[in-house]
Amino acid sequence: MFKFTKAGINLISLGITTIIFILIQAFMYQYANGIEMQVDISQGIMNQDETNTQQIQDNTLIEKNEKWKIEIPAIQLKAEIAEGTDEKTLNEKIGHFEETQKETGNIGLAAHNRGYNVNYFENLKKLKEGDEIKYIHNNYENTYEVIKNDIIEDTDWSKLENTEENMLTLITCVENEPNYRRCVQAIEKEEEIY
């Protein structure tokens, strides 16, 4: 049997206390670093969220400040234009073919003509030669004159190729003819000099 002396018990107690103290210190160090790391990570996330929010606000501001529309008096059309011809865009506005020009050259636009909540090109078939189309993109404003109102195959993308002359190309579906599209083209109206 072991006989414990008062000095031996004090020495063992000191050793156990030292070990417990070291363990507590190590735990506190890890805990403090973990909190710091979480704070850093959450700060990063917060900064990322703030950046994303700022970008959304900037884009919204740009969209609000951007003036992009078309007016066709002959068919009482006034509508806003947005980038793209995807379903979401065409369900709200006239869409701009992204691969075409925005101010000079051939500007390609598309819209629904029936069966949707927004059918901006429903009366496109009524346009005739000489009808005017006003196009506005920010500070660029121009008047165009209709020169063609044709039916083309849905695979004919040549009408959207860029041109040297300023032109609008408006494309929509043809009723009950899924393989064809209506294509209205208008050229820049020359200013009359008096």
N, C-alpha and C. Protein backbone atom coordinates (compact mmCIF):
# COMPACT_ATOMS: atom_id res chain seq x y z
N MET A 1 0.82 -1.17 0.00
CA MET A 1 0.00 0.00 0.00
C MET A 1 0.86 1.24 0.00
N PHE A 2 0.24 2.19 -0.69
CA PHE A 2 0.94 3.47 -0.76
C PHE A 2 0.53 4.34 0.39
N LYS A 3 1.53 5.02 0.89
CA LYS A 3 1.27 5.93 1.97
C LYS A 3 1.47 7.34 1.44
N PHE A 4 0.40 8.15 1.53
CA PHE A 4 0.49 9.51 1.02
C PHE A 4 0.87 10.44 2.14
N THR A 5 1.84 11.24 1.83
CA THR A 5 2.23 12.28 2.79
C THR A 5 1.56 13.57 2.38
N LYS A 6 1.56 14.49 3.29
CA LYS A 6 0.94 15.76 3.00
C LYS A 6 1.65 16.44 1.84
N ALA A 7 2.93 16.35 1.75
CA ALA A 7 3.71 16.96 0.67
C ALA A 7 3.40 16.27 -0.65
N GLY A 8 3.23 14.94 -0.65
CA GLY A 8 2.92 14.19 -1.87
C GLY A 8 1.55 14.56 -2.40
N ILE A 9 0.59 14.67 -1.49
CA ILE A 9 -0.77 15.04 -1.90
C ILE A 9 -0.77 16.45 -2.49
N ASN A 10 -0.04 17.36 -1.87
CA ASN A 10 0.05 18.73 -2.39
C ASN A 10 0.69 18.75 -3.78
N LEU A 11 1.68 17.92 -4.00
CA LEU A 11 2.36 17.84 -5.30
C LEU A 11 1.42 17.28 -6.37
N ILE A 12 0.68 16.23 -6.03
CA ILE A 12 -0.28 15.63 -6.98
C ILE A 12 -1.38 16.65 -7.28
N SER A 13 -1.88 17.35 -6.29
CA SER A 13 -2.92 18.37 -6.47
C SER A 13 -2.42 19.49 -7.38
N LEU A 14 -1.18 19.90 -7.16
CA LEU A 14 -0.59 20.94 -8.01
C LEU A 14 -0.51 20.47 -9.45
N GLY A 15 -0.11 19.23 -9.67
CA GLY A 15 0.00 18.67 -11.03
C GLY A 15 -1.36 18.62 -11.71
N ILE A 16 -2.37 18.12 -10.96
CA ILE A 16 -3.73 18.03 -11.54
C ILE A 16 -4.27 19.43 -11.83
N THR A 17 -4.05 20.36 -10.93
CA THR A 17 -4.51 21.73 -11.13
C THR A 17 -3.83 22.35 -12.35
N THR A 18 -2.53 22.10 -12.51
CA THR A 18 -1.80 22.63 -13.66
C THR A 18 -2.36 22.05 -14.96
N ILE A 19 -2.61 20.74 -14.99
CA ILE A 19 -3.16 20.09 -16.19
C ILE A 19 -4.54 20.67 -16.51
N ILE A 20 -5.38 20.82 -15.50
CA ILE A 20 -6.72 21.38 -15.72
C ILE A 20 -6.61 22.81 -16.23
N PHE A 21 -5.69 23.60 -15.64
CA PHE A 21 -5.50 24.98 -16.07
C PHE A 21 -5.07 25.03 -17.55
N ILE A 22 -4.14 24.17 -17.93
CA ILE A 22 -3.66 24.12 -19.32
C ILE A 22 -4.80 23.73 -20.26
N LEU A 23 -5.59 22.74 -19.87
CA LEU A 23 -6.73 22.32 -20.70
C LEU A 23 -7.75 23.45 -20.87
N ILE A 24 -8.03 24.15 -19.77
CA ILE A 24 -8.98 25.26 -19.84
C ILE A 24 -8.44 26.36 -20.75
N GLN A 25 -7.14 26.65 -20.62
CA GLN A 25 -6.53 27.67 -21.47
C GLN A 25 -6.61 27.27 -22.94
N ALA A 26 -6.30 26.02 -23.24
CA ALA A 26 -6.35 25.53 -24.62
C ALA A 26 -7.79 25.62 -25.16
N PHE A 27 -8.75 25.23 -24.35
CA PHE A 27 -10.15 25.29 -24.76
C PHE A 27 -10.56 26.74 -25.02
N MET A 28 -10.20 27.64 -24.12
CA MET A 28 -10.54 29.05 -24.28
C MET A 28 -9.90 29.64 -25.53
N TYR A 29 -8.66 29.25 -25.81
CA TYR A 29 -7.96 29.72 -27.00
C TYR A 29 -8.70 29.26 -28.26
N GLN A 30 -9.04 27.98 -28.30
CA GLN A 30 -9.77 27.43 -29.45
C GLN A 30 -11.13 28.10 -29.59
N TYR A 31 -11.82 28.28 -28.49
CA TYR A 31 -13.14 28.89 -28.50
C TYR A 31 -13.06 30.33 -29.01
N ALA A 32 -12.08 31.08 -28.50
CA ALA A 32 -11.92 32.47 -28.92
C ALA A 32 -11.59 32.55 -30.40
N ASN A 33 -10.70 31.70 -30.90
CA ASN A 33 -10.36 31.68 -32.32
C ASN A 33 -11.54 31.27 -33.17
N GLY A 34 -12.31 30.33 -32.67
CA GLY A 34 -13.51 29.89 -33.40
C GLY A 34 -14.49 31.04 -33.56
N ILE A 35 -14.68 31.82 -32.51
CA ILE A 35 -15.58 32.97 -32.58
C ILE A 35 -15.03 33.99 -33.55
N GLU A 36 -13.71 34.25 -33.46
CA GLU A 36 -13.09 35.19 -34.38
C GLU A 36 -13.28 34.74 -35.82
N MET A 37 -13.07 33.43 -36.06
CA MET A 37 -13.22 32.89 -37.40
C MET A 37 -14.66 33.04 -37.86
N GLN A 38 -15.61 32.74 -36.97
CA GLN A 38 -17.00 32.89 -37.34
C GLN A 38 -17.33 34.35 -37.64
N VAL A 39 -16.78 35.27 -36.84
CA VAL A 39 -17.01 36.68 -37.08
C VAL A 39 -16.44 37.06 -38.43
N ASP A 40 -15.20 36.61 -38.73
CA ASP A 40 -14.59 36.91 -40.02
C ASP A 40 -15.43 36.35 -41.15
N ILE A 41 -15.87 35.12 -41.02
CA ILE A 41 -16.68 34.50 -42.07
C ILE A 41 -17.98 35.26 -42.23
N SER A 42 -18.65 35.55 -41.10
CA SER A 42 -19.92 36.26 -41.19
C SER A 42 -19.72 37.66 -41.74
N GLN A 43 -18.60 38.30 -41.39
CA GLN A 43 -18.30 39.63 -41.95
C GLN A 43 -18.14 39.52 -43.46
N GLY A 44 -17.45 38.46 -43.90
CA GLY A 44 -17.27 38.23 -45.33
C GLY A 44 -18.60 38.04 -46.02
N ILE A 45 -19.47 37.27 -45.38
CA ILE A 45 -20.80 37.05 -45.94
C ILE A 45 -21.58 38.35 -45.95
N MET A 46 -21.50 39.10 -44.85
CA MET A 46 -22.19 40.38 -44.80
C MET A 46 -21.66 41.32 -45.88
N ASN A 47 -20.33 41.37 -46.03
CA ASN A 47 -19.75 42.22 -47.06
C ASN A 47 -20.19 41.77 -48.44
N GLN A 48 -20.23 40.44 -48.66
CA GLN A 48 -20.68 39.90 -49.94
C GLN A 48 -22.13 40.28 -50.19
N ASP A 49 -22.98 40.16 -49.14
CA ASP A 49 -24.38 40.53 -49.27
C ASP A 49 -24.53 42.01 -49.57
N GLU A 50 -23.72 42.84 -48.88
CA GLU A 50 -23.77 44.27 -49.12
C GLU A 50 -23.37 44.58 -50.55
N THR A 51 -22.34 43.89 -51.06
CA THR A 51 -21.89 44.09 -52.44
C THR A 51 -22.99 43.69 -53.41
N ASN A 52 -23.60 42.51 -53.19
CA ASN A 52 -24.68 42.06 -54.07
C ASN A 52 -25.85 43.03 -54.03
N THR A 53 -26.21 43.49 -52.84
CA THR A 53 -27.32 44.44 -52.71
C THR A 53 -27.00 45.73 -53.45
N GLN A 54 -25.75 46.19 -53.32
CA GLN A 54 -25.34 47.42 -54.01
C GLN A 54 -25.42 47.24 -55.52
N GLN A 55 -24.97 46.06 -56.02
CA GLN A 55 -25.03 45.80 -57.46
C GLN A 55 -26.47 45.78 -57.94
N ILE A 56 -27.36 45.16 -57.18
CA ILE A 56 -28.77 45.12 -57.55
C ILE A 56 -29.34 46.53 -57.58
N GLN A 57 -28.99 47.33 -56.55
CA GLN A 57 -29.47 48.71 -56.52
C GLN A 57 -28.91 49.50 -57.70
N ASP A 58 -27.62 49.31 -58.02
CA ASP A 58 -27.01 50.01 -59.15
C ASP A 58 -27.69 49.61 -60.45
N ASN A 59 -27.93 48.29 -60.65
CA ASN A 59 -28.59 47.82 -61.87
C ASN A 59 -30.00 48.35 -61.97
N THR A 60 -30.71 48.39 -60.85
CA THR A 60 -32.07 48.92 -60.84
C THR A 60 -32.05 50.40 -61.20
N LEU A 61 -31.07 51.12 -60.65
CA LEU A 61 -30.94 52.54 -60.95
C LEU A 61 -30.66 52.74 -62.43
N ILE A 62 -29.77 51.92 -62.99
CA ILE A 62 -29.46 52.01 -64.42
C ILE A 62 -30.72 51.75 -65.23
N GLU A 63 -31.47 50.68 -64.87
CA GLU A 63 -32.68 50.36 -65.60
C GLU A 63 -33.70 51.49 -65.50
N LYS A 64 -33.82 52.09 -64.31
CA LYS A 64 -34.78 53.18 -64.14
C LYS A 64 -34.35 54.39 -64.95
N ASN A 65 -33.05 54.65 -65.02
CA ASN A 65 -32.56 55.81 -65.75
C ASN A 65 -32.53 55.56 -67.26
N GLU A 66 -32.51 54.31 -67.67
CA GLU A 66 -32.43 54.00 -69.09
C GLU A 66 -33.78 54.23 -69.73
N LYS A 67 -33.77 54.98 -70.81
CA LYS A 67 -34.99 55.24 -71.57
C LYS A 67 -34.86 54.44 -72.87
N TRP A 68 -35.69 53.41 -73.00
CA TRP A 68 -35.60 52.54 -74.17
C TRP A 68 -37.00 52.15 -74.56
N LYS A 69 -37.49 52.71 -75.66
CA LYS A 69 -38.87 52.43 -76.05
C LYS A 69 -39.08 52.62 -77.54
N ILE A 70 -40.26 52.24 -77.96
CA ILE A 70 -40.65 52.35 -79.36
C ILE A 70 -42.09 52.87 -79.40
N GLU A 71 -42.36 53.69 -80.42
CA GLU A 71 -43.70 54.22 -80.63
C GLU A 71 -44.06 54.05 -82.10
N ILE A 72 -45.25 53.47 -82.35
CA ILE A 72 -45.72 53.30 -83.73
C ILE A 72 -47.14 53.88 -83.78
N PRO A 73 -47.27 55.14 -84.18
CA PRO A 73 -48.58 55.81 -84.17
C PRO A 73 -49.65 55.09 -85.00
N ALA A 74 -49.29 54.51 -86.14
CA ALA A 74 -50.27 53.87 -87.02
C ALA A 74 -51.04 52.74 -86.34
N ILE A 75 -50.44 52.11 -85.33
CA ILE A 75 -51.13 51.02 -84.62
C ILE A 75 -51.25 51.34 -83.12
N GLN A 76 -51.15 52.61 -82.78
CA GLN A 76 -51.28 53.09 -81.39
C GLN A 76 -50.42 52.29 -80.41
N LEU A 77 -49.17 52.08 -80.79
CA LEU A 77 -48.26 51.31 -79.93
C LEU A 77 -47.24 52.23 -79.28
N LYS A 78 -47.15 52.12 -77.97
CA LYS A 78 -46.08 52.74 -77.18
C LYS A 78 -45.65 51.68 -76.19
N ALA A 79 -44.38 51.25 -76.26
CA ALA A 79 -43.94 50.17 -75.37
C ALA A 79 -42.47 50.32 -75.03
N GLU A 80 -42.12 49.79 -73.86
CA GLU A 80 -40.74 49.77 -73.42
C GLU A 80 -40.02 48.57 -74.02
N ILE A 81 -38.72 48.71 -74.14
CA ILE A 81 -37.86 47.65 -74.69
C ILE A 81 -36.91 47.20 -73.60
N ALA A 82 -36.60 45.91 -73.58
CA ALA A 82 -35.62 45.36 -72.64
C ALA A 82 -34.68 44.44 -73.39
N GLU A 83 -33.50 44.22 -72.83
CA GLU A 83 -32.50 43.36 -73.45
C GLU A 83 -32.94 41.90 -73.39
N GLY A 84 -32.81 41.20 -74.52
CA GLY A 84 -33.08 39.76 -74.58
C GLY A 84 -34.43 39.44 -75.19
N THR A 85 -34.55 38.20 -75.64
CA THR A 85 -35.81 37.74 -76.24
C THR A 85 -36.30 36.47 -75.54
N ASP A 86 -35.90 36.30 -74.29
CA ASP A 86 -36.35 35.14 -73.52
C ASP A 86 -37.81 35.34 -73.11
N GLU A 87 -38.42 34.27 -72.60
CA GLU A 87 -39.83 34.28 -72.26
C GLU A 87 -40.18 35.36 -71.24
N LYS A 88 -39.37 35.48 -70.20
CA LYS A 88 -39.65 36.48 -69.15
C LYS A 88 -39.67 37.89 -69.72
N THR A 89 -38.70 38.20 -70.56
CA THR A 89 -38.63 39.53 -71.16
C THR A 89 -39.84 39.79 -72.04
N LEU A 90 -40.15 38.85 -72.93
CA LEU A 90 -41.26 39.05 -73.87
C LEU A 90 -42.62 39.05 -73.18
N ASN A 91 -42.70 38.49 -71.98
CA ASN A 91 -43.95 38.53 -71.23
C ASN A 91 -44.19 39.89 -70.58
N GLU A 92 -43.17 40.76 -70.62
CA GLU A 92 -43.30 42.07 -69.99
C GLU A 92 -43.08 43.23 -70.95
N LYS A 93 -42.17 43.06 -71.91
CA LYS A 93 -41.78 44.17 -72.78
C LYS A 93 -41.47 43.66 -74.18
N ILE A 94 -41.11 44.58 -75.04
CA ILE A 94 -40.56 44.21 -76.35
C ILE A 94 -39.11 43.81 -76.09
N GLY A 95 -38.65 42.74 -76.71
CA GLY A 95 -37.29 42.27 -76.49
C GLY A 95 -36.34 42.70 -77.59
N HIS A 96 -35.12 42.96 -77.20
CA HIS A 96 -34.06 43.32 -78.15
C HIS A 96 -33.18 42.11 -78.41
N PHE A 97 -33.00 41.76 -79.69
CA PHE A 97 -32.08 40.68 -80.04
C PHE A 97 -30.67 41.14 -79.66
N GLU A 98 -30.06 40.46 -78.69
CA GLU A 98 -28.79 40.89 -78.12
C GLU A 98 -27.67 41.02 -79.14
N GLU A 99 -27.73 40.21 -80.20
CA GLU A 99 -26.64 40.24 -81.18
C GLU A 99 -26.80 41.38 -82.18
N THR A 100 -27.86 42.16 -82.07
CA THR A 100 -28.06 43.29 -82.99
C THR A 100 -27.69 44.60 -82.31
N GLN A 101 -27.65 45.64 -83.11
CA GLN A 101 -27.24 46.96 -82.63
C GLN A 101 -28.32 47.58 -81.74
N LYS A 102 -27.93 48.66 -81.03
CA LYS A 102 -28.90 49.38 -80.19
C LYS A 102 -29.20 50.77 -80.71
N GLU A 103 -28.29 51.33 -81.50
CA GLU A 103 -28.53 52.70 -81.96
C GLU A 103 -28.30 52.89 -83.45
N THR A 104 -27.24 52.36 -83.98
CA THR A 104 -27.01 52.51 -85.42
C THR A 104 -26.89 51.12 -86.03
N GLY A 105 -27.08 51.04 -87.34
CA GLY A 105 -27.07 49.73 -87.98
C GLY A 105 -28.45 49.11 -87.89
N ASN A 106 -28.50 47.79 -87.84
CA ASN A 106 -29.77 47.06 -87.81
C ASN A 106 -30.14 46.71 -86.38
N ILE A 107 -31.23 47.28 -85.91
CA ILE A 107 -31.72 47.06 -84.54
C ILE A 107 -32.84 46.03 -84.62
N GLY A 108 -32.66 44.87 -83.99
CA GLY A 108 -33.66 43.80 -84.05
C GLY A 108 -34.49 43.73 -82.79
N LEU A 109 -35.82 43.71 -82.96
CA LEU A 109 -36.75 43.66 -81.84
C LEU A 109 -37.77 42.55 -82.06
N ALA A 110 -38.25 41.97 -80.95
CA ALA A 110 -39.25 40.90 -81.02
C ALA A 110 -40.29 41.11 -79.93
N ALA A 111 -41.52 40.62 -80.22
CA ALA A 111 -42.58 40.68 -79.21
C ALA A 111 -43.67 39.69 -79.59
N HIS A 112 -44.51 39.35 -78.60
CA HIS A 112 -45.65 38.48 -78.85
C HIS A 112 -46.72 39.25 -79.63
N ASN A 113 -47.60 38.49 -80.32
CA ASN A 113 -48.70 39.16 -81.02
C ASN A 113 -50.08 38.64 -80.61
N ARG A 114 -50.13 37.56 -79.83
CA ARG A 114 -51.43 37.05 -79.36
C ARG A 114 -51.17 35.96 -78.33
N GLY A 115 -52.17 35.73 -77.49
CA GLY A 115 -52.11 34.61 -76.55
C GLY A 115 -51.34 34.84 -75.26
N TYR A 116 -50.84 36.05 -75.06
CA TYR A 116 -50.08 36.35 -73.85
C TYR A 116 -50.68 37.57 -73.17
N ASN A 117 -50.25 37.84 -71.95
CA ASN A 117 -50.74 39.04 -71.25
C ASN A 117 -50.31 40.31 -71.97
N VAL A 118 -49.14 40.26 -72.59
CA VAL A 118 -48.60 41.41 -73.31
C VAL A 118 -48.36 40.99 -74.75
N ASN A 119 -49.07 41.62 -75.68
CA ASN A 119 -48.98 41.28 -77.11
C ASN A 119 -48.70 42.55 -77.92
N TYR A 120 -47.53 43.11 -77.70
CA TYR A 120 -47.21 44.40 -78.31
C TYR A 120 -47.24 44.39 -79.84
N PHE A 121 -46.91 43.26 -80.45
CA PHE A 121 -46.85 43.22 -81.91
C PHE A 121 -48.11 42.63 -82.54
N GLU A 122 -49.24 42.68 -81.82
CA GLU A 122 -50.46 42.07 -82.35
C GLU A 122 -50.95 42.74 -83.63
N ASN A 123 -50.66 44.03 -83.82
CA ASN A 123 -51.12 44.74 -85.02
C ASN A 123 -50.00 45.02 -86.01
N LEU A 124 -48.88 44.35 -85.85
CA LEU A 124 -47.76 44.55 -86.75
C LEU A 124 -48.16 44.27 -88.21
N LYS A 125 -49.05 43.31 -88.41
CA LYS A 125 -49.49 42.95 -89.77
C LYS A 125 -50.21 44.11 -90.46
N LYS A 126 -50.70 45.09 -89.71
CA LYS A 126 -51.42 46.23 -90.29
C LYS A 126 -50.49 47.32 -90.81
N LEU A 127 -49.20 47.23 -90.47
CA LEU A 127 -48.27 48.26 -90.92
C LEU A 127 -48.07 48.20 -92.43
N LYS A 128 -47.95 49.38 -93.02
CA LYS A 128 -47.73 49.43 -94.47
C LYS A 128 -46.57 50.37 -94.77
N GLU A 129 -46.09 50.32 -96.00
CA GLU A 129 -44.97 51.16 -96.40
C GLU A 129 -45.27 52.62 -96.09
N GLY A 130 -44.29 53.29 -95.54
CA GLY A 130 -44.41 54.70 -95.23
C GLY A 130 -44.81 54.99 -93.79
N ASP A 131 -45.37 53.99 -93.08
CA ASP A 131 -45.72 54.21 -91.67
C ASP A 131 -44.46 54.50 -90.88
N GLU A 132 -44.59 55.39 -89.90
CA GLU A 132 -43.43 55.81 -89.12
C GLU A 132 -43.32 55.03 -87.80
N ILE A 133 -42.06 54.82 -87.41
CA ILE A 133 -41.75 54.18 -86.14
C ILE A 133 -40.73 55.07 -85.44
N LYS A 134 -41.03 55.46 -84.21
CA LYS A 134 -40.09 56.26 -83.43
C LYS A 134 -39.38 55.32 -82.46
N TYR A 135 -38.06 55.38 -82.46
CA TYR A 135 -37.23 54.51 -81.61
C TYR A 135 -36.38 55.39 -80.72
N ILE A 136 -36.38 55.09 -79.42
CA ILE A 136 -35.62 55.87 -78.44
C ILE A 136 -34.76 54.94 -77.60
N HIS A 137 -33.47 55.24 -77.53
CA HIS A 137 -32.55 54.53 -76.64
C HIS A 137 -31.70 55.57 -75.94
N ASN A 138 -32.04 55.85 -74.67
CA ASN A 138 -31.39 56.89 -73.89
C ASN A 138 -31.47 58.23 -74.63
N ASN A 139 -30.34 58.81 -75.02
CA ASN A 139 -30.37 60.10 -75.71
C ASN A 139 -30.50 59.97 -77.23
N TYR A 140 -30.49 58.75 -77.72
CA TYR A 140 -30.63 58.51 -79.16
C TYR A 140 -32.11 58.41 -79.51
N GLU A 141 -32.58 59.27 -80.40
CA GLU A 141 -33.96 59.22 -80.88
C GLU A 141 -33.93 59.29 -82.38
N ASN A 142 -34.71 58.42 -83.02
CA ASN A 142 -34.73 58.43 -84.47
C ASN A 142 -36.09 58.00 -84.96
N THR A 143 -36.45 58.46 -86.14
CA THR A 143 -37.70 58.07 -86.78
C THR A 143 -37.36 57.21 -87.99
N TYR A 144 -38.08 56.12 -88.11
CA TYR A 144 -37.88 55.17 -89.20
C TYR A 144 -39.16 55.07 -90.01
N GLU A 145 -39.00 54.65 -91.26
CA GLU A 145 -40.13 54.52 -92.17
C GLU A 145 -40.20 53.08 -92.67
N VAL A 146 -41.39 52.47 -92.55
CA VAL A 146 -41.57 51.07 -92.95
C VAL A 146 -41.34 50.93 -94.45
N ILE A 147 -40.51 49.94 -94.82
CA ILE A 147 -40.26 49.65 -96.24
C ILE A 147 -40.72 48.25 -96.63
N LYS A 148 -40.86 47.35 -95.62
CA LYS A 148 -41.27 45.97 -95.91
C LYS A 148 -42.10 45.43 -94.76
N ASN A 149 -43.08 44.61 -95.12
CA ASN A 149 -43.87 43.87 -94.13
C ASN A 149 -44.06 42.49 -94.75
N ASP A 150 -43.13 41.58 -94.46
CA ASP A 150 -43.08 40.28 -95.12
C ASP A 150 -43.27 39.13 -94.15
N ILE A 151 -43.52 37.96 -94.73
CA ILE A 151 -43.51 36.71 -93.98
C ILE A 151 -42.21 35.99 -94.36
N ILE A 152 -41.46 35.56 -93.34
CA ILE A 152 -40.21 34.85 -93.58
C ILE A 152 -40.25 33.50 -92.85
N GLU A 153 -39.36 32.61 -93.23
CA GLU A 153 -39.26 31.33 -92.52
C GLU A 153 -38.66 31.57 -91.14
N ASP A 154 -39.05 30.74 -90.19
CA ASP A 154 -38.56 30.93 -88.81
C ASP A 154 -37.06 30.66 -88.69
N THR A 155 -36.46 30.07 -89.71
CA THR A 155 -35.02 29.80 -89.70
C THR A 155 -34.21 30.89 -90.41
N ASP A 156 -34.90 31.89 -90.96
CA ASP A 156 -34.23 32.95 -91.71
C ASP A 156 -33.78 34.06 -90.76
N TRP A 157 -32.52 33.99 -90.37
CA TRP A 157 -31.96 35.00 -89.46
C TRP A 157 -31.23 36.10 -90.22
N SER A 158 -31.24 36.04 -91.54
CA SER A 158 -30.51 37.02 -92.35
C SER A 158 -31.07 38.43 -92.16
N LYS A 159 -32.32 38.54 -91.82
CA LYS A 159 -32.94 39.86 -91.64
C LYS A 159 -32.37 40.61 -90.43
N LEU A 160 -31.68 39.88 -89.55
CA LEU A 160 -31.10 40.49 -88.36
C LEU A 160 -29.62 40.83 -88.52
N GLU A 161 -29.06 40.52 -89.69
CA GLU A 161 -27.65 40.84 -89.93
C GLU A 161 -27.47 42.36 -89.92
N ASN A 162 -26.31 42.81 -89.50
CA ASN A 162 -26.07 44.24 -89.42
C ASN A 162 -26.04 44.85 -90.82
N THR A 163 -26.45 46.09 -90.91
CA THR A 163 -26.48 46.82 -92.17
C THR A 163 -25.75 48.14 -92.00
N GLU A 164 -25.32 48.70 -93.12
CA GLU A 164 -24.65 50.00 -93.07
C GLU A 164 -25.66 51.10 -92.79
N GLU A 165 -26.87 50.94 -93.34
CA GLU A 165 -27.90 51.95 -93.09
C GLU A 165 -28.61 51.65 -91.77
N ASN A 166 -29.10 52.69 -91.14
CA ASN A 166 -29.83 52.52 -89.89
C ASN A 166 -31.21 51.93 -90.19
N MET A 167 -31.50 50.83 -89.50
CA MET A 167 -32.71 50.08 -89.80
C MET A 167 -33.29 49.46 -88.54
N LEU A 168 -34.61 49.33 -88.50
CA LEU A 168 -35.30 48.57 -87.46
C LEU A 168 -35.85 47.31 -88.10
N THR A 169 -35.69 46.18 -87.40
CA THR A 169 -36.29 44.92 -87.85
C THR A 169 -37.14 44.40 -86.71
N LEU A 170 -38.45 44.32 -86.95
CA LEU A 170 -39.40 43.87 -85.95
C LEU A 170 -39.90 42.48 -86.34
N ILE A 171 -39.79 41.52 -85.42
CA ILE A 171 -40.15 40.14 -85.72
C ILE A 171 -41.15 39.61 -84.71
N THR A 172 -42.17 38.90 -85.23
CA THR A 172 -43.15 38.25 -84.38
C THR A 172 -43.65 36.98 -85.08
N CYS A 173 -44.45 36.21 -84.38
CA CYS A 173 -44.98 34.96 -84.95
C CYS A 173 -46.09 35.25 -85.96
N VAL A 174 -46.41 34.23 -86.75
CA VAL A 174 -47.55 34.31 -87.67
C VAL A 174 -48.60 33.35 -87.13
N GLU A 175 -49.84 33.82 -87.03
CA GLU A 175 -50.92 33.03 -86.45
C GLU A 175 -51.10 31.70 -87.18
N ASN A 176 -51.06 30.62 -86.41
CA ASN A 176 -51.26 29.25 -86.90
C ASN A 176 -50.24 28.82 -87.94
N GLU A 177 -49.11 29.48 -88.00
CA GLU A 177 -48.02 29.13 -88.94
C GLU A 177 -46.71 29.06 -88.16
N PRO A 178 -46.47 27.96 -87.41
CA PRO A 178 -45.29 27.89 -86.55
C PRO A 178 -43.94 27.95 -87.27
N ASN A 179 -43.94 27.68 -88.58
CA ASN A 179 -42.67 27.69 -89.32
C ASN A 179 -42.36 29.05 -89.95
N TYR A 180 -43.20 30.04 -89.67
CA TYR A 180 -43.02 31.35 -90.30
C TYR A 180 -43.06 32.47 -89.27
N ARG A 181 -42.48 33.60 -89.65
CA ARG A 181 -42.46 34.79 -88.81
C ARG A 181 -42.83 36.01 -89.66
N ARG A 182 -43.48 36.98 -89.02
CA ARG A 182 -43.71 38.27 -89.68
C ARG A 182 -42.48 39.12 -89.42
N CYS A 183 -42.02 39.79 -90.46
CA CYS A 183 -40.82 40.62 -90.36
C CYS A 183 -41.10 41.98 -90.98
N VAL A 184 -41.10 43.00 -90.14
CA VAL A 184 -41.29 44.37 -90.61
C VAL A 184 -39.94 45.06 -90.55
N GLN A 185 -39.56 45.68 -91.66
CA GLN A 185 -38.30 46.41 -91.68
C GLN A 185 -38.57 47.87 -92.02
N ALA A 186 -37.87 48.74 -91.32
CA ALA A 186 -38.02 50.18 -91.52
C ALA A 186 -36.64 50.81 -91.55
N ILE A 187 -36.45 51.76 -92.44
CA ILE A 187 -35.16 52.44 -92.52
C ILE A 187 -35.28 53.85 -91.93
N GLU A 188 -34.13 54.36 -91.56
CA GLU A 188 -34.07 55.69 -90.97
C GLU A 188 -34.69 56.70 -91.94
N LYS A 189 -35.58 57.49 -91.42
CA LYS A 189 -36.24 58.50 -92.25
C LYS A 189 -35.30 59.69 -92.39
N GLU A 190 -35.10 60.09 -93.61
CA GLU A 190 -34.20 61.22 -93.86
C GLU A 190 -34.89 62.51 -93.46
N GLU A 191 -34.12 63.37 -92.83
CA GLU A 191 -34.69 64.65 -92.41
C GLU A 191 -34.94 65.51 -93.63
N GLU A 192 -36.10 66.12 -93.62
CA GLU A 192 -36.43 67.01 -94.73
C GLU A 192 -35.75 68.37 -94.50
N ILE A 193 -35.11 68.84 -95.52
CA ILE A 193 -34.41 70.13 -95.44
C ILE A 193 -35.24 71.16 -96.18
N TYR A 194 -35.53 72.23 -95.50
CA TYR A 194 -36.36 73.28 -96.11
C TYR A 194 -35.53 74.42 -96.59
